Amino acid sequence: MERKKEENREIHTEELKVQSIEKELEELRREFFRVMEFCIPPKEVREEIAKNLYTIPLSVLKIVRTLLDYEIKVLEERIKETERKPKSKRIKIE
């Protein structure tokens, strides 16, 4: 009988602990969000940051395109130079 009472008490106390843990978790979550409010910038600033993050790849691609255009120009000039050079002619020696 005593064991059953002790088991019932343990079960009952465990249930109470679970409920208190849930409440503690909710309180911790609220506190966390209160702290994060100081770290998170206002909505306008977040939008500007997101816009800048989206434009970074565009800027990088433009840089790559400019570099490619330059390399293409250099190669085209080299090709033109090789085409301009007259081919060597054979001279007959008597």
PDB file of N, CA and C in Angstrom:
ATOM      1  N   MET A   1       0.812  -1.188   0.000  1.00  0.00           N
ATOM      2  CA  MET A   1       0.000   0.000   0.000  1.00  0.00           C
ATOM      3  C   MET A   1       0.867   1.268   0.000  1.00  0.00           C
ATOM      4  N   GLU A   2       1.883   1.200   0.809  1.00  0.00           N
ATOM      5  CA  GLU A   2       2.744   2.368   0.903  1.00  0.00           C
ATOM      6  C   GLU A   2       3.450   2.633  -0.432  1.00  0.00           C
ATOM      7  N   ARG A   3       3.834   1.547  -1.095  1.00  0.00           N
ATOM      8  CA  ARG A   3       4.506   1.701  -2.384  1.00  0.00           C
ATOM      9  C   ARG A   3       3.574   2.367  -3.396  1.00  0.00           C
ATOM     10  N   LYS A   4       2.333   1.951  -3.417  1.00  0.00           N
ATOM     11  CA  LYS A   4       1.377   2.530  -4.355  1.00  0.00           C
ATOM     12  C   LYS A   4       1.198   4.021  -4.085  1.00  0.00           C
ATOM     13  N   LYS A   5       1.125   4.357  -2.821  1.00  0.00           N
ATOM     14  CA  LYS A   5       0.980   5.768  -2.469  1.00  0.00           C
ATOM     15  C   LYS A   5       2.209   6.560  -2.927  1.00  0.00           C
ATOM     16  N   GLU A   6       3.391   5.960  -2.719  1.00  0.00           N
ATOM     17  CA  GLU A   6       4.617   6.628  -3.125  1.00  0.00           C
ATOM     18  C   GLU A   6       4.669   6.771  -4.652  1.00  0.00           C
ATOM     19  N   GLU A   7       4.262   5.720  -5.368  1.00  0.00           N
ATOM     20  CA  GLU A   7       4.247   5.775  -6.828  1.00  0.00           C
ATOM     21  C   GLU A   7       3.254   6.832  -7.316  1.00  0.00           C
ATOM     22  N   ASN A   8       2.100   6.889  -6.680  1.00  0.00           N
ATOM     23  CA  ASN A   8       1.096   7.885  -7.048  1.00  0.00           C
ATOM     24  C   ASN A   8       1.634   9.303  -6.804  1.00  0.00           C
ATOM     25  N   ARG A   9       2.323   9.464  -5.694  1.00  0.00           N
ATOM     26  CA  ARG A   9       2.899  10.763  -5.389  1.00  0.00           C
ATOM     27  C   ARG A   9       3.959  11.137  -6.434  1.00  0.00           C
ATOM     28  N   GLU A  10       4.796  10.147  -6.808  1.00  0.00           N
ATOM     29  CA  GLU A  10       5.833  10.405  -7.796  1.00  0.00           C
ATOM     30  C   GLU A  10       5.217  10.777  -9.147  1.00  0.00           C
ATOM     31  N   ILE A  11       4.199  10.051  -9.529  1.00  0.00           N
ATOM     32  CA  ILE A  11       3.531  10.348 -10.799  1.00  0.00           C
ATOM     33  C   ILE A  11       2.921  11.734 -10.748  1.00  0.00           C
ATOM     34  N   HIS A  12       2.286  12.026  -9.657  1.00  0.00           N
ATOM     35  CA  HIS A  12       1.653  13.331  -9.502  1.00  0.00           C
ATOM     36  C   HIS A  12       2.691  14.458  -9.528  1.00  0.00           C
ATOM     37  N   THR A  13       3.805  14.252  -8.861  1.00  0.00           N
ATOM     38  CA  THR A  13       4.839  15.285  -8.843  1.00  0.00           C
ATOM     39  C   THR A  13       5.479  15.431 -10.225  1.00  0.00           C
ATOM     40  N   GLU A  14       5.641  14.341 -10.967  1.00  0.00           N
ATOM     41  CA  GLU A  14       6.194  14.422 -12.307  1.00  0.00           C
ATOM     42  C   GLU A  14       5.283  15.240 -13.211  1.00  0.00           C
ATOM     43  N   GLU A  15       3.982  15.047 -13.079  1.00  0.00           N
ATOM     44  CA  GLU A  15       3.055  15.821 -13.885  1.00  0.00           C
ATOM     45  C   GLU A  15       3.169  17.301 -13.555  1.00  0.00           C
ATOM     46  N   LEU A  16       3.314  17.592 -12.306  1.00  0.00           N
ATOM     47  CA  LEU A  16       3.469  18.985 -11.914  1.00  0.00           C
ATOM     48  C   LEU A  16       4.765  19.565 -12.464  1.00  0.00           C
ATOM     49  N   LYS A  17       5.814  18.784 -12.473  1.00  0.00           N
ATOM     50  CA  LYS A  17       7.083  19.250 -12.999  1.00  0.00           C
ATOM     51  C   LYS A  17       6.975  19.533 -14.491  1.00  0.00           C
ATOM     52  N   VAL A  18       6.277  18.676 -15.211  1.00  0.00           N
ATOM     53  CA  VAL A  18       6.122  18.879 -16.648  1.00  0.00           C
ATOM     54  C   VAL A  18       5.382  20.182 -16.902  1.00  0.00           C
ATOM     55  N   GLN A  19       4.347  20.431 -16.178  1.00  0.00           N
ATOM     56  CA  GLN A  19       3.602  21.674 -16.347  1.00  0.00           C
ATOM     57  C   GLN A  19       4.474  22.883 -16.014  1.00  0.00           C
ATOM     58  N   SER A  20       5.236  22.768 -14.968  1.00  0.00           N
ATOM     59  CA  SER A  20       6.080  23.890 -14.594  1.00  0.00           C
ATOM     60  C   SER A  20       7.194  24.094 -15.630  1.00  0.00           C
ATOM     61  N   ILE A  21       7.673  23.016 -16.221  1.00  0.00           N
ATOM     62  CA  ILE A  21       8.696  23.133 -17.261  1.00  0.00           C
ATOM     63  C   ILE A  21       8.112  23.830 -18.480  1.00  0.00           C
ATOM     64  N   GLU A  22       6.888  23.505 -18.839  1.00  0.00           N
ATOM     65  CA  GLU A  22       6.251  24.169 -19.971  1.00  0.00           C
ATOM     66  C   GLU A  22       6.115  25.665 -19.721  1.00  0.00           C
ATOM     67  N   LYS A  23       5.722  26.003 -18.503  1.00  0.00           N
ATOM     68  CA  LYS A  23       5.608  27.420 -18.162  1.00  0.00           C
ATOM     69  C   LYS A  23       6.973  28.098 -18.211  1.00  0.00           C
ATOM     70  N   GLU A  24       7.976  27.429 -17.705  1.00  0.00           N
ATOM     71  CA  GLU A  24       9.323  27.984 -17.720  1.00  0.00           C
ATOM     72  C   GLU A  24       9.806  28.183 -19.158  1.00  0.00           C
ATOM     73  N   LEU A  25       9.505  27.214 -20.019  1.00  0.00           N
ATOM     74  CA  LEU A  25       9.893  27.346 -21.422  1.00  0.00           C
ATOM     75  C   LEU A  25       9.198  28.543 -22.076  1.00  0.00           C
ATOM     76  N   GLU A  26       7.942  28.727 -21.775  1.00  0.00           N
ATOM     77  CA  GLU A  26       7.226  29.876 -22.324  1.00  0.00           C
ATOM     78  C   GLU A  26       7.835  31.185 -21.829  1.00  0.00           C
ATOM     79  N   GLU A  27       8.174  31.221 -20.550  1.00  0.00           N
ATOM     80  CA  GLU A  27       8.795  32.421 -19.997  1.00  0.00           C
ATOM     81  C   GLU A  27      10.165  32.663 -20.631  1.00  0.00           C
ATOM     82  N   LEU A  28      10.930  31.591 -20.818  1.00  0.00           N
ATOM     83  CA  LEU A  28      12.243  31.725 -21.454  1.00  0.00           C
ATOM     84  C   LEU A  28      12.098  32.235 -22.884  1.00  0.00           C
ATOM     85  N   ARG A  29      11.107  31.729 -23.577  1.00  0.00           N
ATOM     86  CA  ARG A  29      10.874  32.164 -24.953  1.00  0.00           C
ATOM     87  C   ARG A  29      10.540  33.649 -24.991  1.00  0.00           C
ATOM     88  N   ARG A  30       9.661  34.081 -24.084  1.00  0.00           N
ATOM     89  CA  ARG A  30       9.306  35.500 -24.023  1.00  0.00           C
ATOM     90  C   ARG A  30      10.537  36.362 -23.735  1.00  0.00           C
ATOM     91  N   GLU A  31      11.330  35.929 -22.783  1.00  0.00           N
ATOM     92  CA  GLU A  31      12.545  36.675 -22.444  1.00  0.00           C
ATOM     93  C   GLU A  31      13.510  36.714 -23.629  1.00  0.00           C
ATOM     94  N   PHE A  32      13.630  35.602 -24.321  1.00  0.00           N
ATOM     95  CA  PHE A  32      14.509  35.534 -25.484  1.00  0.00           C
ATOM     96  C   PHE A  32      14.076  36.544 -26.539  1.00  0.00           C
ATOM     97  N   PHE A  33      12.773  36.595 -26.812  1.00  0.00           N
ATOM     98  CA  PHE A  33      12.280  37.532 -27.816  1.00  0.00           C
ATOM     99  C   PHE A  33      12.441  38.984 -27.357  1.00  0.00           C
ATOM    100  N   ARG A  34      12.323  39.225 -26.066  1.00  0.00           N
ATOM    101  CA  ARG A  34      12.558  40.583 -25.547  1.00  0.00           C
ATOM    102  C   ARG A  34      14.011  40.994 -25.779  1.00  0.00           C
ATOM    103  N   VAL A  35      14.929  40.059 -25.535  1.00  0.00           N
ATOM    104  CA  VAL A  35      16.345  40.350 -25.749  1.00  0.00           C
ATOM    105  C   VAL A  35      16.626  40.531 -27.235  1.00  0.00           C
ATOM    106  N   MET A  36      16.026  39.698 -28.064  1.00  0.00           N
ATOM    107  CA  MET A  36      16.257  39.773 -29.500  1.00  0.00           C
ATOM    108  C   MET A  36      15.710  41.063 -30.107  1.00  0.00           C
ATOM    109  N   GLU A  37      14.716  41.666 -29.492  1.00  0.00           N
ATOM    110  CA  GLU A  37      14.179  42.923 -30.003  1.00  0.00           C
ATOM    111  C   GLU A  37      15.257  43.991 -30.063  1.00  0.00           C
ATOM    112  N   PHE A  38      16.197  43.944 -29.126  1.00  0.00           N
ATOM    113  CA  PHE A  38      17.277  44.920 -29.122  1.00  0.00           C
ATOM    114  C   PHE A  38      18.286  44.628 -30.226  1.00  0.00           C
ATOM    115  N   CYS A  39      18.424  43.367 -30.612  1.00  0.00           N
ATOM    116  CA  CYS A  39      19.395  42.980 -31.636  1.00  0.00           C
ATOM    117  C   CYS A  39      18.845  43.099 -33.050  1.00  0.00           C
ATOM    118  N   ILE A  40      17.566  42.928 -33.205  1.00  0.00           N
ATOM    119  CA  ILE A  40      16.955  42.955 -34.533  1.00  0.00           C
ATOM    120  C   ILE A  40      16.661  44.401 -34.910  1.00  0.00           C
ATOM    121  N   PRO A  41      17.112  44.822 -36.079  1.00  0.00           N
ATOM    122  CA  PRO A  41      16.864  46.207 -36.505  1.00  0.00           C
ATOM    123  C   PRO A  41      15.402  46.400 -36.892  1.00  0.00           C
ATOM    124  N   PRO A  42      14.985  47.635 -37.044  1.00  0.00           N
ATOM    125  CA  PRO A  42      13.599  47.914 -37.456  1.00  0.00           C
ATOM    126  C   PRO A  42      13.299  47.344 -38.842  1.00  0.00           C
ATOM    127  N   LYS A  43      12.042  47.283 -39.169  1.00  0.00           N
ATOM    128  CA  LYS A  43      11.598  46.660 -40.416  1.00  0.00           C
ATOM    129  C   LYS A  43      12.215  47.331 -41.645  1.00  0.00           C
ATOM    130  N   GLU A  44      12.290  48.657 -41.645  1.00  0.00           N
ATOM    131  CA  GLU A  44      12.843  49.371 -42.797  1.00  0.00           C
ATOM    132  C   GLU A  44      14.304  48.982 -43.030  1.00  0.00           C
ATOM    133  N   VAL A  45      15.037  48.862 -41.942  1.00  0.00           N
ATOM    134  CA  VAL A  45      16.455  48.507 -42.050  1.00  0.00           C
ATOM    135  C   VAL A  45      16.599  47.073 -42.531  1.00  0.00           C
ATOM    136  N   ARG A  46      15.765  46.188 -42.028  1.00  0.00           N
ATOM    137  CA  ARG A  46      15.812  44.783 -42.484  1.00  0.00           C
ATOM    138  C   ARG A  46      15.517  44.689 -43.965  1.00  0.00           C
ATOM    139  N   GLU A  47      14.555  45.478 -44.445  1.00  0.00           N
ATOM    140  CA  GLU A  47      14.230  45.458 -45.878  1.00  0.00           C
ATOM    141  C   GLU A  47      15.408  45.949 -46.707  1.00  0.00           C
ATOM    142  N   GLU A  48      16.076  46.986 -46.237  1.00  0.00           N
ATOM    143  CA  GLU A  48      17.234  47.515 -46.960  1.00  0.00           C
ATOM    144  C   GLU A  48      18.366  46.488 -46.987  1.00  0.00           C
ATOM    145  N   ILE A  49      18.562  45.801 -45.873  1.00  0.00           N
ATOM    146  CA  ILE A  49      19.597  44.753 -45.803  1.00  0.00           C
ATOM    147  C   ILE A  49      19.261  43.631 -46.777  1.00  0.00           C
ATOM    148  N   ALA A  50      18.004  43.212 -46.794  1.00  0.00           N
ATOM    149  CA  ALA A  50      17.591  42.142 -47.707  1.00  0.00           C
ATOM    150  C   ALA A  50      17.796  42.572 -49.159  1.00  0.00           C
ATOM    151  N   LYS A  51      17.453  43.829 -49.458  1.00  0.00           N
ATOM    152  CA  LYS A  51      17.639  44.344 -50.816  1.00  0.00           C
ATOM    153  C   LYS A  51      19.114  44.297 -51.199  1.00  0.00           C
ATOM    154  N   ASN A  52      19.975  44.724 -50.289  1.00  0.00           N
ATOM    155  CA  ASN A  52      21.414  44.708 -50.562  1.00  0.00           C
ATOM    156  C   ASN A  52      21.929  43.285 -50.731  1.00  0.00           C
ATOM    157  N   LEU A  53      21.409  42.371 -49.941  1.00  0.00           N
ATOM    158  CA  LEU A  53      21.840  40.980 -50.070  1.00  0.00           C
ATOM    159  C   LEU A  53      21.429  40.409 -51.420  1.00  0.00           C
ATOM    160  N   TYR A  54      20.267  40.830 -51.922  1.00  0.00           N
ATOM    161  CA  TYR A  54      19.833  40.343 -53.227  1.00  0.00           C
ATOM    162  C   TYR A  54      20.640  40.978 -54.352  1.00  0.00           C
ATOM    163  N   THR A  55      21.132  42.204 -54.163  1.00  0.00           N
ATOM    164  CA  THR A  55      21.871  42.862 -55.228  1.00  0.00           C
ATOM    165  C   THR A  55      23.341  42.461 -55.267  1.00  0.00           C
ATOM    166  N   ILE A  56      23.831  41.837 -54.226  1.00  0.00           N
ATOM    167  CA  ILE A  56      25.237  41.400 -54.215  1.00  0.00           C
ATOM    168  C   ILE A  56      25.538  40.467 -55.382  1.00  0.00           C
ATOM    169  N   PRO A  57      24.755  39.416 -55.612  1.00  0.00           N
ATOM    170  CA  PRO A  57      25.054  38.543 -56.763  1.00  0.00           C
ATOM    171  C   PRO A  57      25.012  39.295 -58.093  1.00  0.00           C
ATOM    172  N   LEU A  58      24.103  40.249 -58.220  1.00  0.00           N
ATOM    173  CA  LEU A  58      24.024  41.035 -59.451  1.00  0.00           C
ATOM    174  C   LEU A  58      25.317  41.817 -59.656  1.00  0.00           C
ATOM    175  N   SER A  59      25.819  42.418 -58.603  1.00  0.00           N
ATOM    176  CA  SER A  59      27.071  43.174 -58.712  1.00  0.00           C
ATOM    177  C   SER A  59      28.232  42.270 -59.084  1.00  0.00           C
ATOM    178  N   VAL A  60      28.277  41.113 -58.479  1.00  0.00           N
ATOM    179  CA  VAL A  60      29.356  40.167 -58.777  1.00  0.00           C
ATOM    180  C   VAL A  60      29.278  39.724 -60.234  1.00  0.00           C
ATOM    181  N   LEU A  61      28.089  39.442 -60.709  1.00  0.00           N
ATOM    182  CA  LEU A  61      27.931  39.030 -62.104  1.00  0.00           C
ATOM    183  C   LEU A  61      28.324  40.150 -63.070  1.00  0.00           C
ATOM    184  N   LYS A  62      28.010  41.393 -62.718  1.00  0.00           N
ATOM    185  CA  LYS A  62      28.422  42.509 -63.562  1.00  0.00           C
ATOM    186  C   LYS A  62      29.941  42.628 -63.610  1.00  0.00           C
ATOM    187  N   ILE A  63      30.589  42.410 -62.482  1.00  0.00           N
ATOM    188  CA  ILE A  63      32.055  42.445 -62.442  1.00  0.00           C
ATOM    189  C   ILE A  63      32.626  41.351 -63.330  1.00  0.00           C
ATOM    190  N   VAL A  64      32.073  40.156 -63.223  1.00  0.00           N
ATOM    191  CA  VAL A  64      32.551  39.031 -64.034  1.00  0.00           C
ATOM    192  C   VAL A  64      32.327  39.331 -65.512  1.00  0.00           C
ATOM    193  N   ARG A  65      31.184  39.890 -65.840  1.00  0.00           N
ATOM    194  CA  ARG A  65      30.892  40.234 -67.236  1.00  0.00           C
ATOM    195  C   ARG A  65      31.900  41.249 -67.771  1.00  0.00           C
ATOM    196  N   THR A  66      32.225  42.257 -66.966  1.00  0.00           N
ATOM    197  CA  THR A  66      33.202  43.260 -67.384  1.00  0.00           C
ATOM    198  C   THR A  66      34.561  42.625 -67.624  1.00  0.00           C
ATOM    199  N   LEU A  67      34.966  41.741 -66.726  1.00  0.00           N
ATOM    200  CA  LEU A  67      36.247  41.048 -66.895  1.00  0.00           C
ATOM    201  C   LEU A  67      36.246  40.183 -68.151  1.00  0.00           C
ATOM    202  N   LEU A  68      35.146  39.484 -68.395  1.00  0.00           N
ATOM    203  CA  LEU A  68      35.044  38.658 -69.597  1.00  0.00           C
ATOM    204  C   LEU A  68      35.092  39.519 -70.862  1.00  0.00           C
ATOM    205  N   ASP A  69      34.383  40.640 -70.838  1.00  0.00           N
ATOM    206  CA  ASP A  69      34.414  41.535 -71.999  1.00  0.00           C
ATOM    207  C   ASP A  69      35.832  42.016 -72.276  1.00  0.00           C
ATOM    208  N   TYR A  70      36.557  42.350 -71.234  1.00  0.00           N
ATOM    209  CA  TYR A  70      37.936  42.800 -71.399  1.00  0.00           C
ATOM    210  C   TYR A  70      38.801  41.698 -72.001  1.00  0.00           C
ATOM    211  N   GLU A  71      38.689  40.489 -71.475  1.00  0.00           N
ATOM    212  CA  GLU A  71      39.485  39.367 -71.991  1.00  0.00           C
ATOM    213  C   GLU A  71      39.125  39.064 -73.438  1.00  0.00           C
ATOM    214  N   ILE A  72      37.859  39.157 -73.777  1.00  0.00           N
ATOM    215  CA  ILE A  72      37.424  38.934 -75.163  1.00  0.00           C
ATOM    216  C   ILE A  72      38.040  39.987 -76.080  1.00  0.00           C
ATOM    217  N   LYS A  73      38.033  41.232 -75.633  1.00  0.00           N
ATOM    218  CA  LYS A  73      38.616  42.309 -76.428  1.00  0.00           C
ATOM    219  C   LYS A  73      40.107  42.067 -76.675  1.00  0.00           C
ATOM    220  N   VAL A  74      40.822  41.659 -75.620  1.00  0.00           N
ATOM    221  CA  VAL A  74      42.258  41.396 -75.755  1.00  0.00           C
ATOM    222  C   VAL A  74      42.492  40.255 -76.741  1.00  0.00           C
ATOM    223  N   LEU A  75      41.726  39.197 -76.642  1.00  0.00           N
ATOM    224  CA  LEU A  75      41.886  38.068 -77.557  1.00  0.00           C
ATOM    225  C   LEU A  75      41.560  38.449 -78.995  1.00  0.00           C
ATOM    226  N   GLU A  76      40.536  39.256 -79.198  1.00  0.00           N
ATOM    227  CA  GLU A  76      40.195  39.693 -80.551  1.00  0.00           C
ATOM    228  C   GLU A  76      41.319  40.531 -81.158  1.00  0.00           C
ATOM    229  N   GLU A  77      41.923  41.378 -80.325  1.00  0.00           N
ATOM    230  CA  GLU A  77      43.050  42.186 -80.820  1.00  0.00           C
ATOM    231  C   GLU A  77      44.235  41.301 -81.199  1.00  0.00           C
ATOM    232  N   ARG A  78      44.498  40.287 -80.426  1.00  0.00           N
ATOM    233  CA  ARG A  78      45.597  39.362 -80.752  1.00  0.00           C
ATOM    234  C   ARG A  78      45.328  38.648 -82.068  1.00  0.00           C
ATOM    235  N   ILE A  79      44.092  38.241 -82.254  1.00  0.00           N
ATOM    236  CA  ILE A  79      43.736  37.550 -83.492  1.00  0.00           C
ATOM    237  C   ILE A  79      43.910  38.482 -84.688  1.00  0.00           C
ATOM    238  N   LYS A  80      43.486  39.730 -84.549  1.00  0.00           N
ATOM    239  CA  LYS A  80      43.639  40.704 -85.639  1.00  0.00           C
ATOM    240  C   LYS A  80      45.109  40.940 -85.954  1.00  0.00           C
ATOM    241  N   GLU A  81      45.946  41.001 -84.920  1.00  0.00           N
ATOM    242  CA  GLU A  81      47.382  41.207 -85.138  1.00  0.00           C
ATOM    243  C   GLU A  81      47.983  40.048 -85.916  1.00  0.00           C
ATOM    244  N   THR A  82      47.580  38.838 -85.597  1.00  0.00           N
ATOM    245  CA  THR A  82      48.124  37.686 -86.323  1.00  0.00           C
ATOM    246  C   THR A  82      47.630  37.667 -87.762  1.00  0.00           C
ATOM    247  N   GLU A  83      46.431  38.133 -88.006  1.00  0.00           N
ATOM    248  CA  GLU A  83      45.909  38.170 -89.378  1.00  0.00           C
ATOM    249  C   GLU A  83      46.595  39.261 -90.196  1.00  0.00           C
ATOM    250  N   ARG A  84      47.011  40.329 -89.615  1.00  0.00           N
ATOM    251  CA  ARG A  84      47.633  41.447 -90.320  1.00  0.00           C
ATOM    252  C   ARG A  84      49.049  41.120 -90.783  1.00  0.00           C
ATOM    253  N   LYS A  85      49.734  40.299 -90.061  1.00  0.00           N
ATOM    254  CA  LYS A  85      51.106  39.968 -90.420  1.00  0.00           C
ATOM    255  C   LYS A  85      51.108  39.240 -91.763  1.00  0.00           C
ATOM    256  N   PRO A  86      51.914  39.708 -92.655  1.00  0.00           N
ATOM    257  CA  PRO A  86      51.973  39.022 -93.960  1.00  0.00           C
ATOM    258  C   PRO A  86      52.659  37.662 -93.795  1.00  0.00           C
ATOM    259  N   LYS A  87      52.186  36.766 -94.557  1.00  0.00           N
ATOM    260  CA  LYS A  87      52.791  35.430 -94.503  1.00  0.00           C
ATOM    261  C   LYS A  87      54.143  35.474 -95.205  1.00  0.00           C
ATOM    262  N   SER A  88      54.993  34.700 -94.768  1.00  0.00           N
ATOM    263  CA  SER A  88      56.346  34.685 -95.391  1.00  0.00           C
ATOM    264  C   SER A  88      56.251  34.084 -96.784  1.00  0.00           C
ATOM    265  N   LYS A  89      57.039  34.659 -97.673  1.00  0.00           N
ATOM    266  CA  LYS A  89      57.046  34.174 -99.049  1.00  0.00           C
ATOM    267  C   LYS A  89      58.371  33.503 -99.316  1.00  0.00           C
ATOM    268  N   ARG A  90      58.306  32.540-100.141  1.00  0.00           N
ATOM    269  CA  ARG A  90      59.524  31.832-100.509  1.00  0.00           C
ATOM    270  C   ARG A  90      60.254  32.607-101.614  1.00  0.00           C
ATOM    271  N   ILE A  91      61.467  32.763-101.400  1.00  0.00           N
ATOM    272  CA  ILE A  91      62.282  33.463-102.406  1.00  0.00           C
ATOM    273  C   ILE A  91      63.176  32.436-103.079  1.00  0.00           C
ATOM    274  N   LYS A  92      63.137  32.493-104.388  1.00  0.00           N
ATOM    275  CA  LYS A  92      63.979  31.552-105.130  1.00  0.00           C
ATOM    276  C   LYS A  92      65.403  32.082-105.166  1.00  0.00           C
ATOM    277  N   ILE A  93      66.315  31.257-104.857  1.00  0.00           N
ATOM    278  CA  ILE A  93      67.721  31.618-104.887  1.00  0.00           C
ATOM    279  C   ILE A  93      68.348  30.936-106.090  1.00  0.00           C
ATOM    280  N   GLU A  94      69.045  31.708-106.903  1.00  0.00           N
ATOM    281  CA  GLU A  94      69.652  31.132-108.103  1.00  0.00           C
ATOM    282  C   GLU A  94      71.104  30.828-107.898  1.00  0.00           C
TER     283      GLU A  94
END
